[in-house]
Protein backbone atom coordinates (compact mmCIF):
# COMPACT_ATOMS: atom_id res chain seq x y z
CA UNK A 1 130.62 222.80 180.32
CA UNK A 2 134.10 224.19 179.73
CA UNK A 3 137.18 224.49 181.86
CA UNK A 4 139.11 227.73 182.03
CA UNK A 5 142.67 228.42 183.07
CA UNK A 6 143.97 231.97 183.39
CA UNK A 7 147.56 233.13 183.40
CA UNK A 8 149.60 236.27 182.93
CA UNK A 9 148.90 238.19 186.09
CA UNK A 10 151.61 239.92 188.03
CA UNK A 11 152.93 243.16 189.42
CA UNK A 12 152.97 246.16 187.14
CA UNK A 13 153.73 249.81 187.72
CA UNK A 14 151.08 252.41 187.07
CA UNK A 15 151.01 253.14 183.38
CA UNK A 16 152.37 249.73 182.55
CA UNK A 17 150.97 246.98 180.39
CA UNK A 18 150.06 243.36 180.84
CA UNK A 19 148.46 240.59 178.83
CA UNK A 20 146.29 237.97 180.41
CA UNK A 21 145.54 234.64 178.80
CA UNK A 22 142.81 232.08 179.28
CA UNK A 23 143.00 228.60 177.87
CA UNK A 24 139.62 227.02 177.29
CA UNK A 25 139.07 223.29 177.36
CA UNK A 26 136.18 222.56 175.04
CA UNK A 27 135.55 221.53 171.47
CA UNK A 28 132.50 223.50 170.44
CA UNK A 29 132.41 227.05 171.72
CA UNK A 30 130.16 228.52 169.05
CA UNK A 31 127.34 229.27 171.45
CA UNK A 32 129.54 230.74 174.16
CA UNK A 33 130.32 234.24 175.21
CA UNK A 34 133.68 234.59 176.90
CA UNK A 35 134.46 237.35 179.34
CA UNK A 36 136.93 238.84 181.73
CA UNK A 37 135.56 239.73 185.13
CA UNK A 38 137.58 241.21 187.96
CA UNK A 39 137.21 241.44 191.68
CA UNK A 40 139.09 243.83 193.90
CA UNK A 41 139.39 243.18 197.64
CA UNK A 42 136.16 243.95 199.44
CA UNK A 43 134.26 244.63 196.24
CA UNK A 44 131.82 242.75 194.09
CA UNK A 45 132.83 241.19 190.84
CA UNK A 46 132.98 243.69 188.02
CA UNK A 47 132.45 242.95 184.35
CA UNK A 48 135.41 244.03 182.24
CA UNK A 49 134.94 242.81 178.69
CA UNK A 50 133.32 240.06 176.66
CA UNK A 51 133.55 238.51 173.24
CA UNK A 52 131.22 236.16 171.43
CA UNK A 53 133.27 233.19 170.37
CA UNK A 54 131.65 232.59 167.03
CA UNK A 55 131.10 236.12 165.76
CA UNK A 56 133.90 237.94 167.54
CA UNK A 57 131.52 240.62 168.70
CA UNK A 58 133.11 242.51 171.57
CA UNK A 59 131.90 244.66 174.39
CA UNK A 60 133.98 246.41 177.03
CA UNK A 61 133.05 248.25 180.16
CA UNK A 62 133.33 252.01 179.74
CA UNK A 63 135.91 252.21 182.51
CA UNK A 64 138.43 250.16 180.51
CA UNK A 65 137.31 250.63 176.94
CA UNK A 66 140.14 252.96 175.94
CA UNK A 67 142.85 250.92 177.62
CA UNK A 68 141.93 247.24 177.48
CA UNK A 69 141.31 244.99 174.53
CA UNK A 70 139.73 241.56 174.53
CA UNK A 71 140.66 239.17 171.75
CA UNK A 72 140.41 235.49 171.00
CA UNK A 73 142.52 233.01 169.13
CA UNK A 74 139.83 230.53 168.29
CA UNK A 75 142.01 227.85 166.75
CA UNK A 76 143.95 227.62 169.98
CA UNK A 77 140.98 227.99 172.30
CA UNK A 78 142.62 230.96 173.92
CA UNK A 79 141.23 234.22 175.19
CA UNK A 80 143.32 237.31 175.85
CA UNK A 81 143.00 240.57 177.67
CA UNK A 82 145.57 243.16 176.70
CA UNK A 83 145.79 245.88 179.29
CA UNK A 84 147.62 249.16 178.90
CA UNK A 85 147.99 252.28 181.00
CA UNK A 86 147.22 250.35 184.14
CA UNK A 87 145.91 252.26 187.08
CA UNK A 88 145.65 251.51 190.77
CA UNK A 89 141.94 250.83 190.43
CA UNK A 90 142.72 248.04 187.97
CA UNK A 91 144.32 245.95 190.70
CA UNK A 92 142.17 242.88 191.18
CA UNK A 93 141.90 239.19 190.63
CA UNK A 94 140.93 238.72 187.02
CA UNK A 95 138.72 235.81 186.11
CA UNK A 96 138.07 234.23 182.78
CA UNK A 97 134.42 233.30 182.46
CA UNK A 98 132.14 231.58 179.99
CA UNK A 99 128.40 231.45 179.47
CA UNK A 100 126.12 230.06 176.81
CA UNK A 101 124.02 232.44 174.81
CA UNK A 102 120.39 232.19 175.81
CA UNK A 103 117.25 234.21 175.16
CA UNK A 104 116.96 237.60 176.80
CA UNK A 105 120.23 237.24 178.67
CA UNK A 106 122.49 240.21 179.33
CA UNK A 107 126.13 239.36 178.76
CA UNK A 108 127.68 242.45 180.36
CA UNK A 109 127.11 241.32 183.92
CA UNK A 110 128.96 238.65 185.92
CA UNK A 111 125.73 236.78 186.60
CA UNK A 112 125.52 235.73 182.95
CA UNK A 113 128.49 233.44 183.34
CA UNK A 114 128.41 230.03 184.94
CA UNK A 115 131.87 228.77 184.10
CA UNK A 116 134.81 230.35 185.86
CA UNK A 117 138.53 230.02 185.98
CA UNK A 118 140.56 230.19 189.14
CA UNK A 119 141.62 233.78 188.59
CA UNK A 120 144.94 235.49 188.09
CA UNK A 121 146.02 238.39 190.25
CA UNK A 122 147.00 241.76 188.85
CA UNK A 123 148.86 244.10 191.16
CA UNK A 124 149.53 247.71 190.28
CA UNK A 125 152.21 249.53 192.19
CA UNK A 126 151.99 253.23 192.89
């Protein structure tokens, strides 16, 4: 099991940019997929982007693919989400999440992940 701590949320104007960070407490993350998942008020959690820790393979939800970028700094056990051109629909609590790779598992859904951070709130002003 790993522990996750997000930071970097805040208030941004539409069209603005923000970078979220997630510090991961754990020594061997080779078998993990890390992800950002968001939840807007009154809505279910929504997968945003993921990255396999070992290979660096990335996948992003179509709704953010052209604007968000997920990266990792493996030596520092840190995950990032760089967000640009923020829109009102991006406002949500953003969670860092981790899950171990396992057979026949789909990584682009929140249910894949069983380790969660506390979340960091992103507000987008109109």
